[in-house]
């Protein structure tokens, strides 16, 4: 009987740890999603800036058209 209780105690501890890890993973996934959105916005802005700089360079004849 003591062995049964010990096994149940360990299983409960494992379950508790898994639940905490699951909650942590949900938080990490949420944060990662936010970072992905911010990266896409910044990447888009850099692309637009690159296009603008290229147009300026062409107007000033700093690069070949």
N, C-alpha and C. Protein backbone atom coordinates (compact mmCIF):
# COMPACT_ATOMS: atom_id res chain seq x y z
N UNK A 1 0.81 -1.20 0.00
CA UNK A 1 0.00 0.00 0.00
C UNK A 1 0.85 1.27 0.00
N UNK A 2 1.93 1.26 0.76
CA UNK A 2 2.79 2.44 0.81
C UNK A 2 3.39 2.70 -0.56
N UNK A 3 3.69 1.62 -1.29
CA UNK A 3 4.24 1.77 -2.64
C UNK A 3 3.22 2.42 -3.57
N UNK A 4 1.96 2.00 -3.45
CA UNK A 4 0.89 2.59 -4.25
C UNK A 4 0.78 4.09 -4.00
N UNK A 5 0.82 4.48 -2.73
CA UNK A 5 0.73 5.89 -2.38
C UNK A 5 1.93 6.68 -2.91
N UNK A 6 3.10 6.06 -2.85
CA UNK A 6 4.31 6.71 -3.35
C UNK A 6 4.21 6.94 -4.86
N UNK A 7 3.72 5.92 -5.58
CA UNK A 7 3.56 6.04 -7.04
C UNK A 7 2.54 7.13 -7.35
N UNK A 8 1.42 7.15 -6.65
CA UNK A 8 0.41 8.18 -6.87
C UNK A 8 0.97 9.57 -6.57
N UNK A 9 1.76 9.67 -5.53
CA UNK A 9 2.36 10.95 -5.18
C UNK A 9 3.29 11.44 -6.30
N UNK A 10 4.08 10.55 -6.84
CA UNK A 10 4.97 10.91 -7.94
C UNK A 10 4.18 11.27 -9.20
N UNK A 11 3.13 10.53 -9.47
CA UNK A 11 2.31 10.83 -10.64
C UNK A 11 1.65 12.20 -10.51
N UNK A 12 1.19 12.54 -9.33
CA UNK A 12 0.60 13.86 -9.10
C UNK A 12 1.64 14.96 -9.31
N UNK A 13 2.84 14.72 -8.82
CA UNK A 13 3.91 15.71 -9.00
C UNK A 13 4.24 15.87 -10.49
N UNK A 14 4.28 14.77 -11.20
CA UNK A 14 4.55 14.81 -12.64
C UNK A 14 3.43 15.57 -13.35
N UNK A 15 2.20 15.28 -12.99
CA UNK A 15 1.06 15.97 -13.61
C UNK A 15 1.13 17.46 -13.35
N UNK A 16 1.47 17.84 -12.13
CA UNK A 16 1.57 19.25 -11.79
C UNK A 16 2.66 19.93 -12.62
N UNK A 17 3.79 19.26 -12.76
CA UNK A 17 4.89 19.81 -13.55
C UNK A 17 4.49 19.96 -15.02
N UNK A 18 3.83 18.96 -15.56
CA UNK A 18 3.38 19.00 -16.95
C UNK A 18 2.38 20.13 -17.17
N UNK A 19 1.49 20.33 -16.22
CA UNK A 19 0.51 21.42 -16.33
C UNK A 19 1.20 22.77 -16.34
N UNK A 20 2.21 22.93 -15.46
CA UNK A 20 2.96 24.20 -15.43
C UNK A 20 3.71 24.41 -16.75
N UNK A 21 4.31 23.34 -17.26
CA UNK A 21 5.03 23.45 -18.53
C UNK A 21 4.08 23.80 -19.66
N UNK A 22 2.90 23.23 -19.63
CA UNK A 22 1.90 23.52 -20.65
C UNK A 22 1.49 24.99 -20.61
N UNK A 23 1.27 25.50 -19.41
CA UNK A 23 0.92 26.92 -19.26
C UNK A 23 2.06 27.81 -19.75
N UNK A 24 3.28 27.44 -19.39
CA UNK A 24 4.45 28.20 -19.84
C UNK A 24 4.55 28.18 -21.36
N UNK A 25 4.31 27.05 -21.97
CA UNK A 25 4.38 26.95 -23.43
C UNK A 25 3.32 27.81 -24.10
N UNK A 26 2.14 27.87 -23.53
CA UNK A 26 1.10 28.74 -24.08
C UNK A 26 1.54 30.19 -24.03
N UNK A 27 2.17 30.59 -22.93
CA UNK A 27 2.67 31.95 -22.81
C UNK A 27 3.77 32.21 -23.84
N UNK A 28 4.68 31.26 -23.98
CA UNK A 28 5.78 31.41 -24.94
C UNK A 28 5.22 31.51 -26.36
N UNK A 29 4.24 30.69 -26.69
CA UNK A 29 3.63 30.75 -28.02
C UNK A 29 2.97 32.10 -28.27
N UNK A 30 2.31 32.63 -27.27
CA UNK A 30 1.68 33.94 -27.41
C UNK A 30 2.71 35.03 -27.63
N UNK A 31 3.78 34.99 -26.86
CA UNK A 31 4.84 35.98 -27.03
C UNK A 31 5.52 35.84 -28.38
N UNK A 32 5.73 34.62 -28.81
CA UNK A 32 6.35 34.39 -30.12
C UNK A 32 5.47 34.93 -31.23
N UNK A 33 4.17 34.75 -31.11
CA UNK A 33 3.25 35.29 -32.10
C UNK A 33 3.34 36.80 -32.19
N UNK A 34 3.45 37.44 -31.05
CA UNK A 34 3.59 38.90 -31.03
C UNK A 34 4.90 39.31 -31.70
N UNK A 35 5.98 38.61 -31.38
CA UNK A 35 7.27 38.91 -32.00
C UNK A 35 7.23 38.72 -33.52
N UNK A 36 6.55 37.68 -33.97
CA UNK A 36 6.43 37.45 -35.41
C UNK A 36 5.68 38.58 -36.09
N UNK A 37 4.64 39.07 -35.46
CA UNK A 37 3.89 40.20 -36.01
C UNK A 37 4.76 41.45 -36.07
N UNK A 38 5.47 41.72 -35.00
CA UNK A 38 6.34 42.90 -34.97
C UNK A 38 7.45 42.78 -36.00
N UNK A 39 8.00 41.59 -36.17
CA UNK A 39 9.05 41.38 -37.18
C UNK A 39 8.51 41.65 -38.57
N UNK A 40 7.32 41.18 -38.86
CA UNK A 40 6.72 41.40 -40.18
C UNK A 40 6.52 42.90 -40.43
N UNK A 41 6.07 43.62 -39.43
CA UNK A 41 5.87 45.07 -39.58
C UNK A 41 7.19 45.77 -39.84
N UNK A 42 8.21 45.43 -39.05
CA UNK A 42 9.53 46.06 -39.21
C UNK A 42 10.13 45.69 -40.56
N UNK A 43 9.99 44.44 -40.95
CA UNK A 43 10.52 44.01 -42.24
C UNK A 43 9.86 44.78 -43.37
N UNK A 44 8.56 44.98 -43.29
CA UNK A 44 7.83 45.74 -44.29
C UNK A 44 8.34 47.18 -44.35
N UNK A 45 8.56 47.77 -43.19
CA UNK A 45 9.07 49.15 -43.14
C UNK A 45 10.46 49.24 -43.76
N UNK A 46 11.32 48.28 -43.47
CA UNK A 46 12.66 48.29 -44.08
C UNK A 46 12.59 48.15 -45.59
N UNK A 47 11.69 47.30 -46.06
CA UNK A 47 11.52 47.14 -47.51
C UNK A 47 11.10 48.47 -48.15
N UNK A 48 10.17 49.15 -47.52
CA UNK A 48 9.72 50.45 -48.05
C UNK A 48 10.84 51.48 -48.01
N UNK A 49 11.61 51.50 -46.92
CA UNK A 49 12.74 52.42 -46.83
C UNK A 49 13.78 52.12 -47.90
N UNK A 50 14.04 50.85 -48.14
CA UNK A 50 14.99 50.45 -49.17
C UNK A 50 14.53 50.94 -50.54
N UNK A 51 13.25 50.78 -50.82
CA UNK A 51 12.70 51.27 -52.09
C UNK A 51 12.86 52.79 -52.21
N UNK A 52 12.59 53.49 -51.12
CA UNK A 52 12.69 54.95 -51.15
C UNK A 52 14.14 55.40 -51.37
N UNK A 53 15.09 54.76 -50.68
CA UNK A 53 16.49 55.10 -50.85
C UNK A 53 16.93 54.82 -52.29
N UNK A 54 16.51 53.71 -52.86
CA UNK A 54 16.85 53.39 -54.25
C UNK A 54 16.31 54.45 -55.21
N UNK A 55 15.07 54.90 -54.98
CA UNK A 55 14.51 55.95 -55.83
C UNK A 55 15.31 57.25 -55.71
N UNK A 56 15.69 57.59 -54.48
CA UNK A 56 16.49 58.80 -54.26
C UNK A 56 17.83 58.67 -54.98
N UNK A 57 18.47 57.52 -54.84
CA UNK A 57 19.76 57.31 -55.50
C UNK A 57 19.63 57.44 -57.01
N UNK A 58 18.56 56.91 -57.56
CA UNK A 58 18.35 57.02 -59.01
C UNK A 58 18.15 58.47 -59.42
N UNK A 59 17.36 59.21 -58.65
CA UNK A 59 17.11 60.62 -58.97
C UNK A 59 18.39 61.45 -58.92
N UNK A 60 19.28 61.08 -58.01
CA UNK A 60 20.53 61.82 -57.86
C UNK A 60 21.64 61.24 -58.75
N UNK A 61 21.27 60.27 -59.58
CA UNK A 61 22.22 59.59 -60.47
C UNK A 61 23.40 58.99 -59.70
N UNK A 62 23.08 58.43 -58.54
CA UNK A 62 24.13 57.77 -57.75
C UNK A 62 24.27 56.29 -58.10
N UNK A 63 23.25 55.76 -58.78
CA UNK A 63 23.30 54.36 -59.23
C UNK A 63 22.80 54.32 -60.66
N UNK A 64 23.11 53.19 -61.32
CA UNK A 64 22.62 53.04 -62.69
C UNK A 64 21.13 52.75 -62.65
N UNK A 65 20.40 53.36 -63.56
CA UNK A 65 18.94 53.21 -63.61
C UNK A 65 18.56 51.85 -64.16
